[in-house]
Amino acid sequence: MTTAHPRPSTVVCEADAVQREAIYRIRHDVYAVELGQHPVNTAGRLTDRLDDVNRYLVATRDGSLAAFVSITPPNVLGYSVDKYFTRAEMPFDVDDDTYEIRLLTVLPGHRDTDLAALLMVAAYRWIESRGGRTVVAIGRDDVVPMYVRGGMRPTGLTTTSGAVTFELMHADVAEVRDAFDALEPVVAAIEQAVEWRLHVPLRKPAACFHGGESFGAVGVGFDDLSRRHDVINADVLDAWFEPAPAVLAELERHLAWLVRTSPPVDCAGLVAAIAAARDLDPRSVLVGAGSSDLIFRALPRWLTRASRVVLLDPTYGEYAHVLEKVVGCTVERLRLDRDRDYRPDLAALVELAASGPDLIVLVNPNSPTGQHLTVDEIGTLLDAAPPSTRIWVDETYAAYVGQSVEELITRHDQLIVCTSLSKAYALSGARVAYLAAAPHQLEELRSLTPPWVVGLPSQVAATRALESLDYYQGCWDRTHVLREELATGLTGLGWDVVPGQVANFLLAHLPAAGPTAAELVAAAQRHGLFLRDAGAMGTALGDRAVRVAVKDAATNDRIMAVLGAVAAPLNAVAQGS
């Protein structure tokens, strides 16, 4: 029998009406009676005009109010500091992104605790989440050091109110964020000790970088989609070919009905089509709106900050983002070496698997390296892993190889295969993907799957695509020819194209004497060609790694023409001529 852990006795939340009334009375006791800042009044209650706009954050201990802080957001009434200093005196700008922290108060009996620092953290996160850039405060001279430790900068400007002397302070929210990010033990301690009930997370969610910058040139407002003809989006790995004729015919024939009609709530027809095409039990299929939906749905549910995960380095960046920034677990990277053409070391993987991590993630074929492990090699890895270790294989590009490990899910019930239909089936805009795994692995995720998770046009498009395998096989075969032709062209420019790649893209290294990847990418964009600087996808690639999507023959020729046009001037600059 397991024993439930007691809930943290400290709670941080925004004050309700009852707590606000208690705060007004405590303000009188502290600031009028105790500190003599204000006259004592018979009502025993202290408020001011800013309480019409102020928001209070409170910390309670065992259900009782222990500390509070007030936040004044931008408003027409101004700030409390305006009573003591003119805007011209203040050595910072006050604008619509300025917030004030005031009345930081810890009740007797709690003043030897960390509640003041905790509420400062809460106030910064509250302000940051609302787009605040500058924080102002006036702090009593005896608590200025605590404000400074919290990121505030004294200005040297002081004022006296009653018997109390205050100093004007300010902070840049971005600078406080940088300092806060460096205090991981503090953040972890707060998470363990405090029940955080604010409507903003303690940790600021991190944005996940993707390619796709070419859409900025097309226009994210979709006002002139014809601009797409002027752009080569080789920074994303969309198919160079169109969806199967059966897909387009079905969409064109029924488009008006498809876009206005609710789809089957559980995607049953799509699940049946996937199961039939891939020889899977329908109970072993869970669909999603693209692989990102499934990654974000599954991994944060299965993992905690205490989890340990093995990840290839380099690999698809979304996994590192979810694991490190969203979940916050420990990630062990298996570095892929250039002298091995970035092919994973199977023996090293087997050793890591045997050590029993919570999860191993393999993108196979891998992006951006274009290398893959065979079904037998992944079977060896599965044999080495204990049953408690999940192995997640992302097969977004597996159709280009003609091998899938989905057949192994009946023998290895810790295997989860994530397959996107975006790249290989020319359905990137439709956002359709699925997990294939033993039914028990998907049971909990089904309860987290919203109804109608895939739109009706996408369900129909994916179903027809899976019925058109002969068409797609011809496209995949043609992709290999186009990839090799593009590789020959890039090699002719002096690029070191990684050999042995098998998918619809190429990873190459630029010459050491020429421009960096960032410089080349920027120069190519000015000609309408978008490439991927692959350096950020891992720690092993350096600053001259470029990933290029394979396109049709005519577009590949345009790619080579642009690269030829920008290469000479960039080389001249790099060589100092």
Protein backbone atom coordinates (compact mmCIF):
# COMPACT_ATOMS: atom_id res chain seq x y z
CA MET A 1 0.00 0.00 0.00
CA THR A 2 1.42 3.38 -0.97
CA THR A 3 1.31 6.31 1.40
CA ALA A 4 0.10 9.60 -0.07
CA HIS A 5 2.56 12.45 0.25
CA PRO A 6 1.15 15.43 2.16
CA ARG A 7 0.34 18.46 0.03
CA PRO A 8 2.71 21.40 0.46
CA SER A 9 1.65 23.63 3.34
CA THR A 10 2.63 26.78 1.41
CA VAL A 11 0.27 27.97 -1.32
CA VAL A 12 0.83 30.87 -3.72
CA CYS A 13 -2.25 32.31 -5.42
CA GLU A 14 -4.00 35.54 -6.29
CA ALA A 15 -5.98 37.05 -3.44
CA ASP A 16 -9.75 36.58 -3.37
CA ALA A 17 -12.19 39.08 -1.87
CA VAL A 18 -11.87 37.70 1.66
CA GLN A 19 -8.08 37.76 1.52
CA ARG A 20 -8.06 41.30 0.13
CA GLU A 21 -10.11 42.51 3.07
CA ALA A 22 -7.66 40.80 5.42
CA ILE A 23 -4.78 42.50 3.55
CA TYR A 24 -6.32 45.96 4.06
CA ARG A 25 -6.44 45.34 7.81
CA ILE A 26 -2.92 43.93 7.91
CA ARG A 27 -1.69 46.97 5.98
CA HIS A 28 -3.06 49.16 8.76
CA ASP A 29 -1.42 47.03 11.45
CA VAL A 30 1.95 46.98 9.70
CA TYR A 31 2.25 50.31 7.92
CA ALA A 32 0.29 52.50 10.34
CA VAL A 33 0.70 50.88 13.76
CA GLU A 34 4.03 49.06 13.43
CA LEU A 35 6.02 51.29 11.04
CA GLY A 36 4.30 54.64 11.49
CA GLN A 37 4.20 55.33 7.76
CA HIS A 38 0.51 56.33 7.92
CA PRO A 39 -1.73 57.70 10.67
CA VAL A 40 -3.62 55.15 12.73
CA ASN A 41 -7.36 55.17 11.95
CA THR A 42 -10.34 53.95 13.93
CA ALA A 43 -11.49 51.61 11.14
CA GLY A 44 -8.25 49.65 11.42
CA ARG A 45 -8.17 49.40 7.66
CA LEU A 46 -5.76 50.91 5.12
CA THR A 47 -6.40 51.27 1.38
CA ASP A 48 -5.58 53.77 -1.35
CA ARG A 49 -6.94 54.76 -4.75
CA LEU A 50 -4.72 52.25 -6.58
CA ASP A 51 -6.58 49.38 -4.93
CA ASP A 52 -9.13 49.82 -7.70
CA VAL A 53 -6.51 48.42 -10.12
CA ASN A 54 -4.01 46.60 -7.89
CA ARG A 55 -3.71 42.83 -7.96
CA TYR A 56 -2.52 41.03 -4.83
CA LEU A 57 -0.54 37.79 -4.74
CA VAL A 58 -0.56 35.96 -1.44
CA ALA A 59 1.30 33.15 0.25
CA THR A 60 -0.57 31.09 2.81
CA ARG A 61 0.86 28.68 5.34
CA ASP A 62 -1.42 25.88 6.50
CA GLY A 63 -4.40 27.85 5.24
CA SER A 64 -3.56 31.15 6.95
CA LEU A 65 -2.37 34.31 5.23
CA ALA A 66 1.38 34.63 5.78
CA ALA A 67 2.60 37.18 3.21
CA PHE A 68 1.40 39.29 0.31
CA VAL A 69 2.60 41.60 -2.43
CA SER A 70 0.73 44.09 -4.59
CA ILE A 71 1.19 44.57 -8.33
CA THR A 72 0.05 47.73 -10.07
CA PRO A 73 -0.39 47.14 -13.81
CA PRO A 74 -0.35 49.97 -16.39
CA ASN A 75 -3.43 52.13 -15.78
CA VAL A 76 -4.75 55.70 -16.00
CA LEU A 77 -4.29 56.29 -12.26
CA GLY A 78 -0.50 55.92 -12.39
CA TYR A 79 1.69 54.30 -9.75
CA SER A 80 2.43 54.87 -6.08
CA VAL A 81 5.95 56.04 -6.97
CA ASP A 82 4.34 59.00 -8.73
CA LYS A 83 3.50 60.42 -5.28
CA TYR A 84 7.20 60.77 -4.48
CA PHE A 85 9.08 61.22 -7.77
CA THR A 86 8.37 62.96 -11.05
CA ARG A 87 8.69 60.97 -14.25
CA ALA A 88 11.56 63.27 -15.27
CA GLU A 89 13.49 62.26 -12.12
CA MET A 90 13.16 58.56 -12.78
CA PRO A 91 16.24 57.15 -14.58
CA PHE A 92 14.11 54.82 -16.71
CA ASP A 93 11.15 55.06 -19.06
CA VAL A 94 7.65 54.54 -17.73
CA ASP A 95 5.30 53.28 -20.44
CA ASP A 96 2.51 50.81 -21.12
CA ASP A 97 4.86 47.90 -20.36
CA THR A 98 5.73 49.16 -16.87
CA TYR A 99 4.44 47.45 -13.71
CA GLU A 100 4.96 48.34 -10.07
CA ILE A 101 5.64 45.93 -7.22
CA ARG A 102 4.68 47.34 -3.84
CA LEU A 103 3.59 46.49 -0.30
CA LEU A 104 5.72 43.35 -0.04
CA THR A 105 4.69 42.26 3.43
CA VAL A 106 5.50 39.22 5.57
CA LEU A 107 3.44 38.77 8.72
CA PRO A 108 5.05 38.29 12.13
CA GLY A 109 5.88 34.69 12.74
CA HIS A 110 6.95 34.17 9.11
CA ARG A 111 9.64 36.81 8.75
CA ASP A 112 12.52 34.38 9.13
CA THR A 113 11.30 32.39 6.11
CA ASP A 114 11.77 32.68 2.35
CA LEU A 115 8.24 33.95 1.71
CA ALA A 116 9.39 37.42 0.61
CA ALA A 117 11.68 35.93 -2.06
CA LEU A 118 8.94 33.52 -3.11
CA LEU A 119 6.46 36.34 -3.67
CA MET A 120 9.03 38.35 -5.62
CA VAL A 121 9.44 35.35 -7.94
CA ALA A 122 5.66 35.07 -8.24
CA ALA A 123 5.31 38.79 -8.99
CA TYR A 124 7.98 38.69 -11.72
CA ARG A 125 6.34 35.70 -13.40
CA TRP A 126 2.91 37.35 -13.19
CA ILE A 127 4.32 40.49 -14.80
CA GLU A 128 6.42 38.65 -17.39
CA SER A 129 3.45 36.56 -18.53
CA ARG A 130 1.53 39.75 -19.26
CA GLY A 131 4.26 41.28 -21.41
CA GLY A 132 5.77 43.56 -18.77
CA ARG A 133 9.25 44.84 -19.58
CA THR A 134 10.03 47.22 -16.69
CA VAL A 135 9.33 46.84 -12.98
CA VAL A 136 9.46 49.75 -10.52
CA ALA A 137 9.33 49.63 -6.75
CA ILE A 138 10.04 51.66 -3.64
CA GLY A 139 11.48 49.60 -0.83
CA ARG A 140 12.09 50.43 2.81
CA ASP A 141 15.77 51.03 3.48
CA ASP A 142 15.94 47.92 5.68
CA VAL A 143 14.61 45.62 2.92
CA VAL A 144 16.43 47.12 -0.09
CA PRO A 145 19.06 44.33 0.01
CA MET A 146 16.28 41.75 -0.37
CA TYR A 147 14.89 43.61 -3.39
CA VAL A 148 18.39 43.74 -4.87
CA ARG A 149 18.79 39.99 -4.45
CA GLY A 150 15.49 39.69 -6.29
CA GLY A 151 16.87 41.54 -9.32
CA MET A 152 15.95 45.17 -8.57
CA ARG A 153 18.50 47.95 -9.14
CA PRO A 154 18.64 50.86 -6.65
CA THR A 155 18.59 54.34 -8.16
CA GLY A 156 19.96 56.28 -5.20
CA LEU A 157 16.74 58.31 -5.08
CA THR A 158 15.06 58.18 -1.66
CA THR A 159 11.91 59.53 -0.07
CA THR A 160 10.41 59.60 3.41
CA SER A 161 6.83 58.72 4.30
CA GLY A 162 5.99 59.10 7.96
CA ALA A 163 8.75 57.39 9.90
CA VAL A 164 9.92 55.27 6.98
CA THR A 165 12.58 55.98 4.31
CA PHE A 166 12.17 54.35 0.90
CA GLU A 167 14.48 53.99 -2.09
CA LEU A 168 13.31 53.98 -5.70
CA MET A 169 14.33 50.83 -7.61
CA HIS A 170 13.69 49.34 -11.01
CA ALA A 171 14.39 46.16 -12.95
CA ASP A 172 14.41 44.98 -16.53
CA VAL A 173 12.22 41.88 -16.76
CA ALA A 174 14.48 40.25 -19.38
CA GLU A 175 17.50 40.62 -17.09
CA VAL A 176 15.58 39.13 -14.18
CA ARG A 177 14.56 36.25 -16.46
CA ASP A 178 18.22 35.56 -17.32
CA ALA A 179 19.13 35.53 -13.63
CA PHE A 180 16.17 33.32 -12.78
CA ASP A 181 17.09 30.80 -15.48
CA ALA A 182 20.47 30.37 -13.79
CA LEU A 183 18.85 29.41 -10.47
CA GLU A 184 17.59 25.94 -11.35
CA PRO A 185 18.02 24.58 -7.77
CA VAL A 186 15.86 27.44 -6.47
CA VAL A 187 13.15 26.75 -9.04
CA ALA A 188 13.21 23.04 -8.27
CA ALA A 189 12.98 23.76 -4.54
CA ILE A 190 9.93 25.98 -5.07
CA GLU A 191 8.27 23.24 -7.12
CA GLN A 192 8.83 20.72 -4.33
CA ALA A 193 7.77 22.94 -1.44
CA VAL A 194 5.03 25.17 -2.84
CA GLU A 195 1.59 24.58 -4.29
CA TRP A 196 1.55 27.06 -7.17
CA ARG A 197 -2.00 28.19 -7.95
CA LEU A 198 -1.35 31.21 -10.12
CA HIS A 199 -2.80 31.12 -13.62
CA VAL A 200 0.72 31.26 -15.01
CA PRO A 201 3.31 28.48 -14.65
CA LEU A 202 6.33 28.93 -12.41
CA ARG A 203 8.58 28.07 -15.33
CA LYS A 204 8.22 30.21 -18.41
CA PRO A 205 7.33 27.91 -21.32
CA ALA A 206 10.05 27.92 -23.96
CA ALA A 207 9.29 28.40 -27.63
CA CYS A 208 10.31 25.58 -29.96
CA PHE A 209 12.24 26.69 -33.03
CA HIS A 210 11.38 25.15 -36.37
CA GLY A 211 12.31 25.85 -39.93
CA GLY A 212 9.68 27.16 -42.27
CA GLU A 213 10.88 30.75 -42.44
CA SER A 214 9.85 30.76 -46.07
CA PHE A 215 6.24 31.34 -45.03
CA GLY A 216 7.28 34.79 -43.97
CA ALA A 217 8.05 35.51 -47.62
CA VAL A 218 4.78 33.97 -48.82
CA GLY A 219 2.81 35.87 -46.19
CA VAL A 220 1.34 34.45 -43.00
CA GLY A 221 -1.85 36.40 -43.69
CA PHE A 222 -2.41 34.36 -46.90
CA ASP A 223 -3.27 37.54 -48.79
CA ASP A 224 -1.36 36.55 -51.94
CA LEU A 225 -0.55 32.85 -52.09
CA SER A 226 0.81 33.24 -55.61
CA ARG A 227 3.99 34.53 -53.97
CA ARG A 228 4.80 30.90 -53.22
CA HIS A 229 6.05 30.58 -56.79
CA ASP A 230 8.86 33.04 -56.02
CA VAL A 231 10.04 31.05 -52.99
CA ILE A 232 11.95 27.77 -52.67
CA ASN A 233 11.14 26.35 -49.24
CA ALA A 234 14.11 24.00 -48.94
CA ASP A 235 14.27 24.73 -45.19
CA VAL A 236 11.32 22.40 -44.55
CA LEU A 237 10.98 18.84 -45.76
CA ASP A 238 7.61 18.94 -47.50
CA ALA A 239 7.22 16.56 -50.42
CA TRP A 240 8.30 17.81 -53.83
CA PHE A 241 5.41 15.89 -55.43
CA GLU A 242 1.66 16.44 -55.20
CA PRO A 243 -0.70 14.21 -53.22
CA ALA A 244 -2.03 11.19 -55.10
CA PRO A 245 -4.59 11.95 -57.82
CA ALA A 246 -7.23 10.08 -55.81
CA VAL A 247 -6.63 12.43 -52.87
CA LEU A 248 -7.02 15.57 -54.95
CA ALA A 249 -10.04 14.25 -56.83
CA GLU A 250 -11.87 13.39 -53.62
CA LEU A 251 -11.12 16.76 -52.04
CA GLU A 252 -12.15 18.70 -55.16
CA ARG A 253 -15.34 16.70 -55.59
CA HIS A 254 -16.57 17.16 -52.00
CA LEU A 255 -14.65 20.22 -50.75
CA ALA A 256 -17.64 22.38 -49.75
CA TRP A 257 -19.17 19.53 -47.77
CA LEU A 258 -15.86 18.49 -46.23
CA VAL A 259 -15.02 21.91 -44.81
CA ARG A 260 -18.46 22.53 -43.29
CA THR A 261 -19.08 19.06 -41.84
CA SER A 262 -17.94 17.67 -38.49
CA PRO A 263 -15.72 14.60 -38.91
CA PRO A 264 -16.17 11.23 -37.21
CA VAL A 265 -15.48 12.00 -33.58
CA ASP A 266 -12.97 9.17 -33.07
CA CYS A 267 -11.42 9.07 -36.57
CA ALA A 268 -12.60 5.47 -36.87
CA GLY A 269 -12.42 5.37 -40.66
CA LEU A 270 -8.92 6.80 -40.69
CA VAL A 271 -7.80 4.35 -38.01
CA ALA A 272 -9.22 1.47 -40.06
CA ALA A 273 -7.42 2.70 -43.18
CA ILE A 274 -4.09 2.94 -41.32
CA ALA A 275 -4.56 -0.51 -39.79
CA ALA A 276 -5.37 -2.05 -43.16
CA ALA A 277 -2.49 -0.37 -44.98
CA ARG A 278 0.08 -1.15 -42.28
CA ASP A 279 -1.25 -4.57 -41.16
CA LEU A 280 -1.92 -3.35 -37.64
CA ASP A 281 -4.55 -4.09 -35.05
CA PRO A 282 -6.80 -0.98 -34.91
CA ARG A 283 -6.41 -1.04 -31.12
CA SER A 284 -2.72 -0.40 -31.69
CA VAL A 285 -3.31 2.83 -33.61
CA LEU A 286 -3.77 6.29 -32.13
CA VAL A 287 -4.09 9.21 -34.55
CA GLY A 288 -3.16 12.84 -34.09
CA ALA A 289 -2.96 16.17 -35.86
CA GLY A 290 0.61 15.61 -36.97
CA SER A 291 3.52 14.07 -35.09
CA SER A 292 3.97 17.22 -32.98
CA ASP A 293 0.51 16.68 -31.50
CA LEU A 294 1.47 13.14 -30.50
CA ILE A 295 4.87 14.15 -29.14
CA PHE A 296 3.39 16.88 -26.98
CA ARG A 297 0.51 14.65 -25.90
CA ALA A 298 2.56 11.60 -24.92
CA LEU A 299 5.97 12.59 -23.61
CA PRO A 300 4.91 15.12 -20.94
CA ARG A 301 2.39 12.54 -19.73
CA TRP A 302 4.85 9.68 -19.51
CA LEU A 303 7.84 11.56 -18.13
CA THR A 304 8.66 13.73 -15.12
CA ARG A 305 11.58 15.92 -14.12
CA ALA A 306 13.08 12.83 -12.51
CA SER A 307 13.05 10.86 -15.79
CA ARG A 308 16.12 9.97 -17.81
CA VAL A 309 15.98 9.99 -21.61
CA VAL A 310 18.48 9.05 -24.32
CA LEU A 311 18.52 11.22 -27.44
CA LEU A 312 20.66 11.23 -30.56
CA ASP A 313 22.81 14.31 -31.13
CA PRO A 314 21.99 15.81 -33.60
CA THR A 315 18.35 14.98 -34.20
CA TYR A 316 14.95 16.61 -34.75
CA GLY A 317 14.92 19.58 -32.38
CA GLU A 318 11.36 19.21 -31.12
CA TYR A 319 12.34 16.24 -28.97
CA ALA A 320 15.03 18.15 -27.07
CA HIS A 321 12.59 21.03 -26.62
CA VAL A 322 9.84 18.87 -25.14
CA LEU A 323 12.19 16.82 -22.99
CA GLU A 324 14.33 19.64 -21.60
CA LYS A 325 12.10 22.71 -21.76
CA VAL A 326 8.60 21.31 -21.29
CA VAL A 327 9.17 18.24 -19.11
CA GLY A 328 12.56 19.27 -17.72
CA CYS A 329 13.94 15.75 -17.46
CA THR A 330 17.55 14.60 -17.73
CA VAL A 331 18.66 14.05 -21.34
CA GLU A 332 21.71 11.95 -22.18
CA ARG A 333 22.91 12.65 -25.71
CA LEU A 334 24.56 10.02 -27.85
CA ARG A 335 26.85 12.12 -30.00
CA LEU A 336 26.91 11.17 -33.67
CA ASP A 337 30.37 11.60 -35.18
CA ARG A 338 31.15 13.09 -38.56
CA ASP A 339 33.88 10.53 -39.19
CA ARG A 340 31.15 7.84 -39.00
CA ASP A 341 28.92 9.89 -41.33
CA TYR A 342 26.70 10.49 -38.28
CA ARG A 343 25.56 6.88 -38.21
CA PRO A 344 24.53 5.84 -34.68
CA ASP A 345 26.91 3.56 -32.80
CA LEU A 346 24.69 0.53 -32.20
CA ALA A 347 26.93 -0.88 -29.47
CA ALA A 348 26.80 2.40 -27.55
CA LEU A 349 23.02 2.51 -27.96
CA VAL A 350 22.68 -1.03 -26.69
CA GLU A 351 24.77 -0.18 -23.65
CA LEU A 352 22.62 2.84 -22.90
CA ALA A 353 19.43 0.81 -23.39
CA ALA A 354 20.65 -1.85 -20.97
CA SER A 355 21.20 0.83 -18.31
CA GLY A 356 17.43 1.30 -18.13
CA PRO A 357 16.55 4.87 -19.09
CA ASP A 358 12.88 5.80 -19.02
CA LEU A 359 12.85 6.53 -22.74
CA ILE A 360 15.04 6.28 -25.83
CA VAL A 361 14.09 8.46 -28.81
CA LEU A 362 15.23 7.49 -32.30
CA VAL A 363 14.31 9.45 -35.41
CA ASN A 364 14.81 6.83 -38.08
CA PRO A 365 15.88 7.89 -40.67
CA ASN A 366 17.35 10.67 -38.61
CA SER A 367 16.98 14.35 -39.36
CA PRO A 368 19.19 16.18 -40.17
CA THR A 369 21.73 13.40 -40.78
CA GLY A 370 19.72 11.25 -43.22
CA GLN A 371 21.05 8.00 -41.71
CA HIS A 372 18.99 5.07 -40.51
CA LEU A 373 19.15 1.88 -38.49
CA THR A 374 17.73 -1.34 -39.92
CA VAL A 375 14.81 -3.23 -38.42
CA ASP A 376 17.22 -5.89 -37.16
CA GLU A 377 19.42 -3.27 -35.48
CA ILE A 378 16.47 -1.74 -33.67
CA GLY A 379 15.37 -5.25 -32.71
CA THR A 380 18.77 -5.73 -31.09
CA LEU A 381 18.27 -2.51 -29.16
CA LEU A 382 14.84 -3.62 -28.00
CA ASP A 383 16.25 -6.95 -26.82
CA ALA A 384 18.78 -5.09 -24.67
CA ALA A 385 16.31 -2.72 -23.00
CA PRO A 386 14.42 -3.68 -19.84
CA PRO A 387 10.61 -3.73 -20.07
CA SER A 388 10.42 -0.44 -18.16
CA THR A 389 12.27 1.44 -20.92
CA ARG A 390 10.06 2.82 -23.65
CA ILE A 391 11.67 3.10 -27.08
CA TRP A 392 10.11 5.73 -29.32
CA VAL A 393 10.94 5.43 -33.02
CA ASP A 394 9.95 8.36 -35.21
CA GLU A 395 9.41 7.05 -38.74
CA THR A 396 8.50 10.31 -40.47
CA TYR A 397 10.89 9.48 -43.33
CA ALA A 398 10.77 5.67 -43.18
CA ALA A 399 8.73 5.36 -46.40
CA TYR A 400 11.77 6.57 -48.35
CA VAL A 401 13.70 3.55 -47.02
CA GLY A 402 10.93 0.99 -47.37
CA GLN A 403 11.47 -0.40 -43.87
CA SER A 404 9.36 0.04 -40.74
CA VAL A 405 9.69 -1.36 -37.24
CA GLU A 406 5.91 -1.39 -36.74
CA GLU A 407 5.98 -5.16 -37.14
CA LEU A 408 7.95 -5.37 -33.87
CA ILE A 409 5.24 -3.91 -31.62
CA THR A 410 3.63 -7.32 -31.12
CA ARG A 411 6.91 -8.75 -29.74
CA HIS A 412 8.17 -5.68 -27.85
CA ASP A 413 5.41 -3.98 -25.93
CA GLN A 414 7.64 -1.08 -24.87
CA LEU A 415 8.04 0.03 -28.53
CA ILE A 416 6.13 3.08 -29.74
CA VAL A 417 6.33 4.02 -33.42
CA CYS A 418 5.40 7.56 -34.43
CA THR A 419 4.59 7.95 -38.13
CA SER A 420 3.73 11.19 -39.86
CA LEU A 421 1.96 11.13 -43.22
CA SER A 422 3.13 14.69 -43.91
CA LYS A 423 6.40 14.25 -45.75
CA ALA A 424 6.09 10.93 -47.56
CA TYR A 425 2.43 11.34 -48.56
CA ALA A 426 2.53 15.06 -49.46
CA LEU A 427 0.08 15.91 -46.68
CA SER A 428 2.06 18.39 -44.57
CA GLY A 429 -0.80 20.88 -44.64
CA ALA A 430 -3.31 18.22 -43.59
CA ARG A 431 -1.50 17.38 -40.31
CA VAL A 432 -2.08 13.64 -39.94
CA ALA A 433 0.06 11.20 -37.96
CA TYR A 434 -0.36 8.15 -35.78
CA LEU A 435 1.24 6.11 -33.04
CA ALA A 436 1.56 2.35 -33.44
CA ALA A 437 2.10 0.50 -30.17
CA ALA A 438 0.75 -2.22 -27.92
CA PRO A 439 -2.79 -1.20 -26.90
CA HIS A 440 -1.85 -0.74 -23.24
CA GLN A 441 0.69 1.95 -24.21
CA LEU A 442 -2.06 3.98 -25.85
CA GLU A 443 -4.81 3.47 -23.27
CA GLU A 444 -4.12 6.58 -21.20
CA LEU A 445 -3.36 8.71 -24.25
CA ARG A 446 -6.78 7.90 -25.70
CA SER A 447 -8.39 9.55 -22.69
CA LEU A 448 -6.34 12.68 -23.39
CA THR A 449 -7.19 12.79 -27.09
CA PRO A 450 -9.78 15.46 -27.89
CA PRO A 451 -12.73 14.55 -30.09
CA TRP A 452 -12.41 15.44 -33.78
CA VAL A 453 -8.62 15.63 -33.34
CA VAL A 454 -8.12 15.38 -37.13
CA GLY A 455 -10.29 17.48 -39.45
CA LEU A 456 -12.57 15.85 -41.98
CA PRO A 457 -10.66 16.99 -45.12
CA SER A 458 -7.49 15.61 -43.55
CA GLN A 459 -9.11 12.30 -42.60
CA VAL A 460 -10.40 11.83 -46.12
CA ALA A 461 -7.10 12.89 -47.70
CA ALA A 462 -5.07 10.48 -45.54
CA THR A 463 -7.48 7.60 -46.17
CA ARG A 464 -7.25 8.02 -49.95
CA ALA A 465 -3.48 8.44 -49.75
CA LEU A 466 -3.10 5.13 -47.95
CA GLU A 467 -5.07 3.52 -50.79
CA SER A 468 -2.64 4.93 -53.40
CA LEU A 469 0.62 3.26 -52.46
CA ASP A 470 1.65 2.51 -56.06
CA TYR A 471 1.59 6.23 -56.86
CA TYR A 472 3.62 7.14 -53.80
CA GLN A 473 6.14 4.36 -54.32
CA GLY A 474 6.96 5.87 -57.69
CA CYS A 475 7.47 9.27 -56.02
CA TRP A 476 9.73 7.79 -53.36
CA ASP A 477 11.81 5.99 -55.96
CA ARG A 478 12.16 9.21 -57.95
CA THR A 479 13.24 11.03 -54.78
CA HIS A 480 16.37 8.87 -54.55
CA VAL A 481 17.37 9.88 -58.08
CA LEU A 482 16.72 13.56 -57.39
CA ARG A 483 18.66 13.40 -54.12
CA GLU A 484 21.72 11.96 -55.81
CA GLU A 485 21.56 14.57 -58.59
CA LEU A 486 21.35 17.34 -56.02
CA ALA A 487 24.21 15.80 -54.03
CA THR A 488 26.38 15.83 -57.17
CA GLY A 489 25.62 19.50 -57.70
CA LEU A 490 26.41 20.46 -54.11
CA THR A 491 29.63 18.47 -54.20
CA GLY A 492 30.57 20.42 -57.30
CA LEU A 493 30.35 23.62 -55.23
CA GLY A 494 32.94 22.19 -52.85
CA TRP A 495 30.39 21.14 -50.23
CA ASP A 496 31.07 17.99 -48.19
CA VAL A 497 27.81 16.07 -48.63
CA VAL A 498 27.36 13.39 -45.96
CA PRO A 499 27.28 10.01 -47.73
CA GLY A 500 24.72 7.28 -47.15
CA GLN A 501 21.66 9.49 -46.77
CA VAL A 502 18.32 7.92 -47.61
CA ALA A 503 15.50 10.47 -47.15
CA ASN A 504 14.21 13.55 -48.98
CA PHE A 505 16.94 15.92 -47.82
CA LEU A 506 20.71 16.29 -47.71
CA LEU A 507 23.06 17.32 -44.93
CA ALA A 508 26.29 18.93 -46.08
CA HIS A 509 29.20 20.86 -44.61
CA LEU A 510 30.42 24.07 -46.22
CA PRO A 511 34.14 24.51 -46.95
CA ALA A 512 36.18 25.81 -44.02
CA ALA A 513 37.50 28.70 -46.12
CA GLY A 514 34.04 29.90 -47.11
CA PRO A 515 31.03 31.41 -45.37
CA THR A 516 29.33 29.97 -42.32
CA ALA A 517 25.96 28.32 -42.63
CA ALA A 518 24.26 31.38 -41.12
CA GLU A 519 25.90 33.66 -43.68
CA LEU A 520 24.97 31.40 -46.59
CA VAL A 521 21.38 30.99 -45.39
CA ALA A 522 20.95 34.77 -45.07
CA ALA A 523 22.42 35.41 -48.53
CA ALA A 524 20.25 32.72 -50.16
CA GLN A 525 17.10 34.13 -48.58
CA ARG A 526 17.65 37.39 -50.43
CA HIS A 527 17.24 35.36 -53.62
CA GLY A 528 14.09 33.57 -52.42
CA LEU A 529 15.90 30.34 -51.44
CA PHE A 530 15.36 29.16 -47.87
CA LEU A 531 17.79 26.62 -46.41
CA ARG A 532 18.21 25.23 -42.90
CA ASP A 533 21.23 26.13 -40.80
CA ALA A 534 21.49 22.75 -39.09
CA GLY A 535 23.95 23.75 -36.39
CA ALA A 536 21.24 24.36 -33.80
CA MET A 537 19.89 20.81 -34.18
CA GLY A 538 22.65 19.41 -31.99
CA THR A 539 26.09 19.97 -30.51
CA ALA A 540 28.07 18.01 -33.07
CA LEU A 541 27.52 19.84 -36.35
CA GLY A 542 29.43 23.10 -35.99
CA ASP A 543 28.68 26.35 -37.77
CA ARG A 544 28.95 25.15 -41.38
CA ALA A 545 26.26 22.47 -41.56
CA VAL A 546 23.37 23.05 -43.97
CA ARG A 547 20.32 20.89 -44.58
CA VAL A 548 18.67 21.13 -48.00
CA ALA A 549 15.33 19.59 -48.96
CA VAL A 550 15.19 17.59 -52.18
CA LYS A 551 12.86 19.15 -54.73
CA ASP A 552 11.76 18.31 -58.28
CA ALA A 553 14.42 18.53 -61.00
CA ALA A 554 13.52 22.05 -62.13
CA THR A 555 13.52 23.40 -58.57
CA ASN A 556 16.79 21.65 -57.78
CA ASP A 557 18.25 23.47 -60.78
CA ARG A 558 16.97 26.76 -59.33
CA ILE A 559 18.57 25.89 -56.00
CA MET A 560 21.91 25.31 -57.68
CA ALA A 561 21.58 28.56 -59.66
CA VAL A 562 21.00 30.59 -56.51
CA LEU A 563 23.84 28.90 -54.67
CA GLY A 564 26.13 29.54 -57.60
CA ALA A 565 25.15 33.19 -57.63
CA VAL A 566 25.82 33.75 -53.92
CA ALA A 567 28.86 31.50 -53.56
CA ALA A 568 31.48 33.67 -55.24
CA PRO A 569 30.83 36.93 -53.33
CA LEU A 570 30.52 35.06 -50.04
CA ASN A 571 33.77 33.20 -50.63
CA ALA A 572 35.50 36.47 -51.48
CA VAL A 573 34.32 38.06 -48.25
CA ALA A 574 35.29 35.01 -46.19
CA GLN A 575 38.76 34.97 -47.72
CA GLY A 576 39.24 38.71 -47.21
CA SER A 577 39.62 39.64 -50.87
